[in-house]
Amino acid sequence: MPDRLAQNLIIFIRQNEGKLGIKRRSGEFKKLTDDEVTQIESLVAEAFDEF
């Protein structure tokens, strides 16, 4: 995944209260599996827990 797309993924998850929205999942992140999305959401939550 290109750096810019990964950065956008983190921003979208943080803007949507820790979840990647359905519109984004079926759009630019449609190649990610449900398991991958869940793992990424958990990592983002853990990394930004203090912010």
Protein backbone atom coordinates (compact mmCIF):
# COMPACT_ATOMS: atom_id res chain seq x y z
CA MET A 1 0.00 0.00 0.00
CA PRO A 2 1.44 3.40 -0.94
CA ASP A 3 2.31 5.69 1.98
CA ARG A 4 -0.35 8.26 1.05
CA LEU A 5 -3.10 5.62 0.95
CA ALA A 6 -1.98 4.23 4.31
CA GLN A 7 -2.02 7.74 5.76
CA ASN A 8 -5.55 8.28 4.43
CA LEU A 9 -6.64 4.97 5.95
CA ILE A 10 -5.47 6.07 9.39
CA ILE A 11 -7.15 9.46 9.03
CA PHE A 12 -10.46 7.92 7.92
CA ILE A 13 -10.45 5.47 10.83
CA ARG A 14 -9.73 8.22 13.35
CA GLN A 15 -12.42 10.51 11.87
CA ASN A 16 -15.03 7.75 12.09
CA GLU A 17 -14.60 6.93 15.80
CA GLY A 18 -12.18 4.06 15.24
CA LYS A 19 -13.96 2.30 12.37
CA LEU A 20 -13.43 2.39 8.64
CA GLY A 21 -16.69 3.49 7.06
CA ILE A 22 -18.61 1.26 4.66
CA LYS A 23 -18.24 3.77 1.82
CA ARG A 24 -14.45 3.76 2.16
CA ARG A 25 -14.32 -0.04 2.58
CA SER A 26 -16.20 -0.55 -0.66
CA GLY A 27 -14.21 2.19 -2.38
CA GLU A 28 -10.50 2.74 -2.23
CA PHE A 29 -9.94 0.03 0.40
CA LYS A 30 -12.00 -2.74 -1.21
CA LYS A 31 -8.92 -4.97 -1.56
CA LEU A 32 -8.63 -5.27 2.23
CA THR A 33 -10.32 -8.26 3.82
CA ASP A 34 -12.63 -7.90 6.83
CA ASP A 35 -9.95 -9.44 9.03
CA GLU A 36 -7.32 -6.99 7.79
CA VAL A 37 -9.61 -4.03 8.42
CA THR A 38 -10.35 -5.24 11.95
CA GLN A 39 -6.64 -5.65 12.67
CA ILE A 40 -5.81 -2.22 11.27
CA GLU A 41 -8.61 -0.59 13.28
CA SER A 42 -7.23 -2.21 16.44
CA LEU A 43 -3.71 -1.03 15.68
CA VAL A 44 -4.87 2.52 15.03
CA ALA A 45 -6.89 2.52 18.26
CA GLU A 46 -3.88 1.28 20.22
CA ALA A 47 -1.46 3.71 18.60
CA PHE A 48 -3.66 6.77 19.11
CA ASP A 49 -5.14 5.81 22.47
CA GLU A 50 -3.50 8.76 24.23
CA PHE A 51 -4.52 11.37 21.64
